């Protein structure tokens, strides 16, 4: 019985303290500001991870070109421009 009373007082006071903290406008504003900042950072991280993935893919494609060059195959792509002197 005594345990139930102490538990009730503890949970009631804990709930009141959380409600008190959340009722303050500065805390609410900070929570909103932090959540927006976190969302912005997460969006930027996703974009950077995508860029890194694309760069890694391009690097692996170029590694295949190096292997082909080592085998003696001709270079693929645009031919070098010839300079004409007049």
Protein backbone atom coordinates (compact mmCIF):
# COMPACT_ATOMS: atom_id res chain seq x y z
CA UNK A 1 0.00 0.00 0.00
CA UNK A 2 2.75 2.42 0.95
CA UNK A 3 4.61 1.50 -2.22
CA UNK A 4 1.57 2.45 -4.33
CA UNK A 5 1.31 5.82 -2.59
CA UNK A 6 4.98 6.65 -3.18
CA UNK A 7 4.70 5.49 -6.79
CA UNK A 8 1.65 7.72 -7.30
CA UNK A 9 3.42 10.73 -5.79
CA UNK A 10 6.53 10.05 -7.89
CA UNK A 11 4.66 9.69 -11.18
CA UNK A 12 2.39 12.63 -10.43
CA UNK A 13 5.31 14.89 -9.60
CA UNK A 14 7.26 13.66 -12.63
CA UNK A 15 4.31 14.35 -14.89
CA UNK A 16 3.84 17.79 -13.38
CA UNK A 17 7.52 18.65 -13.83
CA UNK A 18 7.48 17.56 -17.48
CA UNK A 19 4.28 19.51 -18.10
CA UNK A 20 5.81 22.54 -16.38
CA UNK A 21 8.90 22.39 -18.56
CA UNK A 22 6.91 21.96 -21.75
CA UNK A 23 4.55 24.78 -20.82
CA UNK A 24 7.43 27.26 -20.94
CA UNK A 25 7.60 28.97 -24.31
CA UNK A 26 11.39 29.02 -24.40
CA UNK A 27 11.57 25.26 -24.05
CA UNK A 28 8.93 24.79 -26.76
CA UNK A 29 10.75 27.16 -29.08
CA UNK A 30 14.04 25.41 -28.45
CA UNK A 31 12.51 22.01 -29.17
CA UNK A 32 11.03 23.27 -32.45
CA UNK A 33 14.29 24.96 -33.41
CA UNK A 34 16.32 21.85 -32.66
CA UNK A 35 13.95 19.60 -34.60
CA UNK A 36 14.10 21.90 -37.65
CA UNK A 37 17.89 22.06 -37.46
CA UNK A 38 18.10 18.27 -37.17
CA UNK A 39 15.83 17.85 -40.19
CA UNK A 40 17.94 20.28 -42.23
CA UNK A 41 21.15 18.51 -41.32
CA UNK A 42 19.63 15.13 -42.12
CA UNK A 43 18.56 16.38 -45.56
CA UNK A 44 22.07 17.71 -46.24
CA UNK A 45 23.62 14.42 -45.13
CA UNK A 46 21.37 12.47 -47.51
CA UNK A 47 22.45 14.68 -50.41
CA UNK A 48 26.12 14.29 -49.54
CA UNK A 49 25.81 10.51 -49.25
CA UNK A 50 24.17 10.45 -52.67
CA UNK A 51 27.02 12.55 -54.13
CA UNK A 52 29.64 10.27 -52.56
CA UNK A 53 27.87 7.21 -54.02
CA UNK A 54 27.87 8.74 -57.48
CA UNK A 55 31.56 9.66 -57.18
CA UNK A 56 32.42 6.13 -56.06
CA UNK A 57 30.50 4.69 -59.01
CA UNK A 58 32.42 6.94 -61.42
CA UNK A 59 35.70 5.92 -59.79
CA UNK A 60 34.94 2.24 -60.32
CA UNK A 61 34.04 2.93 -63.95
CA UNK A 62 37.41 4.60 -64.45
CA UNK A 63 39.18 1.66 -62.81
CA UNK A 64 37.78 -0.52 -65.58
CA UNK A 65 39.39 1.85 -68.09
CA UNK A 66 42.74 1.42 -66.36
CA UNK A 67 42.44 -2.36 -66.61
CA UNK A 68 41.58 -2.07 -70.31
CA UNK A 69 44.58 0.21 -70.86
CA UNK A 70 46.83 -2.30 -69.14
CA UNK A 71 45.53 -4.99 -71.50
CA UNK A 72 46.46 -2.82 -74.46
CA UNK A 73 43.01 -1.87 -75.66
CA UNK A 74 42.45 1.48 -77.35
CA UNK A 75 41.02 4.38 -75.42
CA UNK A 76 37.28 4.86 -75.73
CA UNK A 77 35.62 8.24 -75.95
CA UNK A 78 36.21 11.46 -77.80
CA UNK A 79 39.37 11.59 -79.87
CA UNK A 80 41.90 14.31 -79.07
CA UNK A 81 41.59 17.52 -81.06
CA UNK A 82 44.37 18.13 -83.59
CA UNK A 83 45.95 21.56 -83.46
CA UNK A 84 46.31 23.21 -86.84
CA UNK A 85 48.92 25.91 -87.22
CA UNK A 86 48.41 28.40 -90.02
